[in-house]
């Protein structure tokens, strides 16, 4: 297969990865916009390199004509969650979408592989609009926690180095590390509510501060410098307190000041 044909073959998978990644990132933004915790922490995507596809074909005795039908992970999406509990929520969310078709799933979180690998896998079909018309491509989605992803990344690197001949002492250490990852995820789940409350408070504070700074910037165009300096000094004083209610009160007062200037500008325009 020449390079041009490889590009034609892989481009629909690239489109699928780009589109799905964008949609999942928009889900994160939507959760944050309504002030709710997102079960999705981050999303990454990739299309297998040609060398990796050829290697898999050779390993599994797949002909080049069978690539699109027998290799299900040419396109890959990885969804990272903070907590184990989020994995099922994300899987349910994906199953409920009408823009993808779930072909099959494998739960390696509840049914850990002998190596210690844990992750939730889904093979889906996703429609893309190509120059030749609509095409449905298979995409592998992996859902795992941050801790699971750290372990899996290291294990993958070692598997690549040793192929099928990983030394036994390294296997034992990986297995021990996997148990440590399980313990870490369990501990994080035990303080999940506290972590979520802290992160939510941070987001709320960041949004309030962004609104305040935006209003102050707009006031530079209409208010005198002395008043702006006074407002900024008061903002810094309130901000140092680290108190969200105080920041909310300051924002309301600032809104009143800004509204006064807007009304003044309208009166001047009408005059």
Protein backbone atom coordinates (compact mmCIF):
# COMPACT_ATOMS: atom_id res chain seq x y z
CA UNK A 1 0.00 0.00 0.00
CA UNK A 2 1.55 3.34 -1.03
CA UNK A 3 1.72 6.45 1.15
CA UNK A 4 -1.22 8.15 -0.57
CA UNK A 5 -3.49 5.18 0.07
CA UNK A 6 -2.37 5.06 3.70
CA UNK A 7 -3.32 8.72 4.08
CA UNK A 8 -6.72 8.10 2.53
CA UNK A 9 -7.22 5.13 4.83
CA UNK A 10 -6.27 6.93 8.03
CA UNK A 11 -7.86 10.34 7.41
CA UNK A 12 -11.42 9.30 8.44
CA UNK A 13 -9.96 8.00 11.71
CA UNK A 14 -8.22 11.34 12.26
CA UNK A 15 -11.54 13.11 11.67
CA UNK A 16 -13.26 10.84 14.19
CA UNK A 17 -10.59 11.45 16.85
CA UNK A 18 -10.75 15.22 16.35
CA UNK A 19 -14.54 15.36 16.45
CA UNK A 20 -15.00 13.06 19.45
CA UNK A 21 -12.26 14.82 21.41
CA UNK A 22 -13.90 18.18 20.73
CA UNK A 23 -17.32 16.90 21.81
CA UNK A 24 -15.99 15.39 25.03
CA UNK A 25 -14.08 18.56 25.89
CA UNK A 26 -17.31 20.51 25.33
CA UNK A 27 -19.02 18.21 27.84
CA UNK A 28 -16.38 19.21 30.41
CA UNK A 29 -17.01 22.88 29.64
CA UNK A 30 -20.77 22.40 29.92
CA UNK A 31 -20.46 20.85 33.38
CA UNK A 32 -18.26 23.72 34.53
CA UNK A 33 -20.56 26.33 32.96
CA UNK A 34 -23.47 25.16 35.11
CA UNK A 35 -21.25 24.91 38.18
CA UNK A 36 -21.22 21.12 38.40
CA UNK A 37 -18.44 18.59 38.78
CA UNK A 38 -17.39 16.90 35.53
CA UNK A 39 -16.79 13.13 35.69
CA UNK A 40 -14.39 13.68 32.77
CA UNK A 41 -11.13 15.27 33.86
CA UNK A 42 -9.32 15.31 30.51
CA UNK A 43 -9.42 13.77 27.04
CA UNK A 44 -6.67 12.76 24.63
CA UNK A 45 -6.81 11.08 21.24
CA UNK A 46 -4.53 9.51 18.69
CA UNK A 47 -4.47 7.55 15.44
CA UNK A 48 -2.11 4.56 15.31
CA UNK A 49 1.09 5.08 13.38
CA UNK A 50 1.48 3.07 10.20
CA UNK A 51 4.37 1.14 11.75
CA UNK A 52 2.18 0.11 14.69
CA UNK A 53 -0.63 -0.99 12.37
CA UNK A 54 1.77 -3.09 10.29
CA UNK A 55 3.23 -4.61 13.44
CA UNK A 56 -0.25 -5.57 14.66
CA UNK A 57 -1.11 -7.03 11.24
CA UNK A 58 1.99 -9.18 11.36
CA UNK A 59 1.40 -10.26 14.96
CA UNK A 60 -2.26 -11.22 14.38
CA UNK A 61 -1.85 -12.44 10.80
CA UNK A 62 -4.14 -9.76 9.35
CA UNK A 63 -3.89 -8.89 5.66
CA UNK A 64 -3.76 -5.24 4.53
CA UNK A 65 -7.24 -5.61 3.01
CA UNK A 66 -8.64 -6.54 6.44
CA UNK A 67 -7.22 -3.58 8.36
CA UNK A 68 -10.45 -1.58 8.69
CA UNK A 69 -12.55 -4.62 9.63
CA UNK A 70 -10.22 -6.52 11.95
CA UNK A 71 -8.29 -3.76 13.73
CA UNK A 72 -10.57 -1.89 16.12
CA UNK A 73 -8.11 0.51 17.74
CA UNK A 74 -6.71 2.43 14.77
CA UNK A 75 -8.43 5.45 16.31
CA UNK A 76 -8.15 5.77 20.07
CA UNK A 77 -9.67 8.11 22.64
CA UNK A 78 -8.52 8.14 26.26
CA UNK A 79 -10.81 9.62 28.89
CA UNK A 80 -9.19 10.36 32.25
CA UNK A 81 -11.29 10.58 35.41
CA UNK A 82 -10.35 11.62 38.93
CA UNK A 83 -12.24 8.87 40.74
CA UNK A 84 -13.12 5.24 40.08
CA UNK A 85 -16.81 6.11 40.56
CA UNK A 86 -16.62 8.45 37.56
CA UNK A 87 -15.76 5.63 35.14
CA UNK A 88 -19.24 4.08 35.18
CA UNK A 89 -20.80 7.55 34.87
CA UNK A 90 -18.76 8.28 31.75
CA UNK A 91 -19.56 4.86 30.26
CA UNK A 92 -23.28 5.49 30.87
CA UNK A 93 -22.99 8.94 29.31
CA UNK A 94 -21.38 7.49 26.18
CA UNK A 95 -23.94 4.70 25.91
CA UNK A 96 -26.74 7.28 25.98
CA UNK A 97 -25.42 9.32 23.06
CA UNK A 98 -27.11 8.99 19.69
CA UNK A 99 -24.07 10.06 17.66
CA UNK A 100 -22.11 6.90 18.49
CA UNK A 101 -22.89 3.19 18.42
CA UNK A 102 -21.31 1.04 21.11
CA UNK A 103 -20.26 -2.30 19.60
CA UNK A 104 -18.89 -3.94 22.75
CA UNK A 105 -17.28 -3.10 26.09
CA UNK A 106 -14.71 -4.73 28.37
CA UNK A 107 -14.48 -3.78 32.04
CA UNK A 108 -10.90 -4.31 33.14
CA UNK A 109 -11.57 -2.21 36.24
CA UNK A 110 -13.80 -4.81 37.86
CA UNK A 111 -11.99 -7.64 36.05
CA UNK A 112 -8.33 -6.68 36.24
CA UNK A 113 -5.92 -8.32 33.80
CA UNK A 114 -3.31 -10.70 35.29
CA UNK A 115 -0.65 -8.07 34.60
CA UNK A 116 -2.42 -5.58 36.89
CA UNK A 117 -3.84 -3.52 34.04
CA UNK A 118 -7.12 -1.72 34.85
CA UNK A 119 -9.24 0.34 32.47
CA UNK A 120 -12.71 0.38 30.92
CA UNK A 121 -12.68 -0.23 27.16
CA UNK A 122 -15.39 0.51 24.62
CA UNK A 123 -15.33 -0.11 20.89
CA UNK A 124 -17.69 2.26 19.13
CA UNK A 125 -18.66 3.20 15.59
CA UNK A 126 -18.66 6.89 14.73
CA UNK A 127 -19.91 8.48 11.49
CA UNK A 128 -17.69 10.97 9.65
CA UNK A 129 -18.47 12.95 6.51
CA UNK A 130 -15.69 12.42 3.95
CA UNK A 131 -15.33 13.66 0.37
CA UNK A 132 -16.45 10.22 -0.75
CA UNK A 133 -19.55 10.34 1.43
CA UNK A 134 -20.43 9.26 4.98
CA UNK A 135 -18.23 6.62 6.55
CA UNK A 136 -18.52 4.81 9.87
CA UNK A 137 -15.21 4.10 11.58
CA UNK A 138 -14.38 2.09 14.67
CA UNK A 139 -12.85 3.90 17.63
CA UNK A 140 -11.51 2.44 20.86
CA UNK A 141 -12.33 4.47 23.96
CA UNK A 142 -10.39 3.83 27.18
CA UNK A 143 -11.76 5.22 30.44
CA UNK A 144 -9.48 5.20 33.48
CA UNK A 145 -8.44 7.20 36.51
CA UNK A 146 -5.33 9.35 36.68
CA UNK A 147 -3.63 6.69 38.80
CA UNK A 148 -4.60 3.87 36.42
CA UNK A 149 -3.30 5.91 33.49
CA UNK A 150 0.07 6.45 35.19
CA UNK A 151 0.48 2.70 35.74
CA UNK A 152 -0.70 1.79 32.23
CA UNK A 153 1.68 4.30 30.62
CA UNK A 154 4.68 2.84 32.44
CA UNK A 155 3.59 -0.75 31.74
CA UNK A 156 3.14 0.02 28.03
CA UNK A 157 6.64 1.47 27.84
CA UNK A 158 8.11 -1.63 29.47
CA UNK A 159 6.10 -3.95 27.23
CA UNK A 160 7.44 -2.07 24.21
CA UNK A 161 11.01 -2.44 25.48
CA UNK A 162 10.86 -6.12 26.41
CA UNK A 163 8.16 -7.28 23.96
CA UNK A 164 7.09 -10.68 25.33
CA UNK A 165 10.21 -11.21 27.42
CA UNK A 166 9.72 -8.91 30.41
CA UNK A 167 11.96 -10.04 33.32
CA UNK A 168 10.05 -11.68 36.17
CA UNK A 169 11.33 -9.23 38.80
CA UNK A 170 9.92 -6.32 36.79
CA UNK A 171 6.58 -8.12 36.41
CA UNK A 172 6.47 -8.57 40.19
CA UNK A 173 7.20 -4.92 40.80
CA UNK A 174 4.55 -3.87 38.29
CA UNK A 175 2.06 -6.13 40.04
CA UNK A 176 2.92 -4.58 43.39
CA UNK A 177 2.61 -1.12 41.89
CA UNK A 178 -0.83 -2.06 40.54
CA UNK A 179 -1.98 -2.96 44.07
CA UNK A 180 -0.64 0.39 45.26
CA UNK A 181 -2.68 2.11 42.51
CA UNK A 182 -5.82 0.30 43.72
CA UNK A 183 -5.12 1.49 47.27
CA UNK A 184 -4.55 5.05 46.02
CA UNK A 185 -7.82 5.12 44.08
CA UNK A 186 -9.65 3.71 47.11
CA UNK A 187 -8.19 6.39 49.40
CA UNK A 188 -9.08 9.15 46.94
CA UNK A 189 -12.65 7.84 46.77
CA UNK A 190 -12.89 7.96 50.58
CA UNK A 191 -12.30 11.74 50.53
CA UNK A 192 -14.07 12.33 47.22
CA UNK A 193 -16.66 14.75 48.61
CA UNK A 194 -14.01 16.93 50.27
CA UNK A 195 -11.92 17.03 47.10
CA UNK A 196 -14.93 17.90 44.94
CA UNK A 197 -16.03 20.66 47.35
CA UNK A 198 -12.53 22.15 47.29
CA UNK A 199 -12.33 22.06 43.49
CA UNK A 200 -15.81 23.53 43.15
CA UNK A 201 -14.91 26.40 45.50
CA UNK A 202 -11.79 27.08 43.44
CA UNK A 203 -13.83 27.23 40.20
CA UNK A 204 -16.43 29.53 41.76
CA UNK A 205 -13.74 31.86 43.09
CA UNK A 206 -11.91 31.88 39.74
CA UNK A 207 -15.14 32.77 37.88
CA UNK A 208 -15.99 35.60 40.29
CA UNK A 209 -12.47 37.05 40.03
CA UNK A 210 -12.63 36.86 36.22
CA UNK A 211 -15.96 38.77 36.22
CA UNK A 212 -14.57 41.42 38.58
CA UNK A 213 -11.43 41.95 36.51
CA UNK A 214 -13.49 42.17 33.32
CA UNK A 215 -15.72 44.89 34.82
CA UNK A 216 -12.69 46.82 36.13
CA UNK A 217 -11.11 46.67 32.67
CA UNK A 218 -14.29 48.06 31.11
CA UNK A 219 -14.46 50.82 33.74
CA UNK A 220 -11.06 52.05 32.58
CA UNK A 221 -12.84 53.40 29.49
CA UNK A 222 -15.40 55.49 31.39
CA UNK A 223 -14.27 56.12 34.98
CA UNK A 224 -11.56 58.49 36.18
CA UNK A 225 -8.20 57.07 37.18
CA UNK A 226 -8.59 57.95 40.87
CA UNK A 227 -11.80 55.94 41.16
CA UNK A 228 -10.27 52.98 39.29
CA UNK A 229 -7.29 52.92 41.68
CA UNK A 230 -9.68 53.00 44.63
CA UNK A 231 -11.70 50.10 43.20
CA UNK A 232 -8.55 48.06 42.52
CA UNK A 233 -7.23 48.61 46.03
CA UNK A 234 -10.54 47.46 47.49
CA UNK A 235 -10.50 44.39 45.23
CA UNK A 236 -7.00 43.42 46.37
CA UNK A 237 -8.06 43.84 50.00
CA UNK A 238 -11.12 41.61 49.56
CA UNK A 239 -9.18 39.07 47.48
CA UNK A 240 -6.54 38.64 50.18
CA UNK A 241 -9.26 37.53 52.59
CA UNK A 242 -9.93 34.52 50.36
CA UNK A 243 -13.61 34.73 51.26
CA UNK A 244 -16.04 33.84 48.44
CA UNK A 245 -19.08 35.63 49.98
CA UNK A 246 -16.99 38.80 50.32
CA UNK A 247 -15.95 38.54 46.66
CA UNK A 248 -19.58 37.99 45.65
CA UNK A 249 -20.61 41.10 47.63
CA UNK A 250 -17.84 43.13 45.99
CA UNK A 251 -18.96 41.91 42.54
CA UNK A 252 -22.55 43.03 43.23
CA UNK A 253 -21.35 46.48 44.31
CA UNK A 254 -19.13 46.70 41.24
CA UNK A 255 -22.09 45.77 39.02
CA UNK A 256 -24.02 48.71 40.49
CA UNK A 257 -21.15 51.09 39.73
CA UNK A 258 -20.79 49.76 36.18
CA UNK A 259 -24.55 49.99 35.61
CA UNK A 260 -24.44 53.62 36.73
CA UNK A 261 -21.84 54.44 34.12
CA UNK A 262 -23.78 52.54 31.44
CA UNK A 263 -26.92 54.55 32.28
CA UNK A 264 -24.91 57.77 32.19
CA UNK A 265 -23.54 56.95 28.75
CA UNK A 266 -27.05 56.20 27.45
CA UNK A 267 -28.33 59.57 28.77
CA UNK A 268 -25.42 61.40 27.14
CA UNK A 269 -26.07 59.59 23.84
CA UNK A 270 -29.81 60.46 23.92
CA UNK A 271 -29.00 64.07 24.69
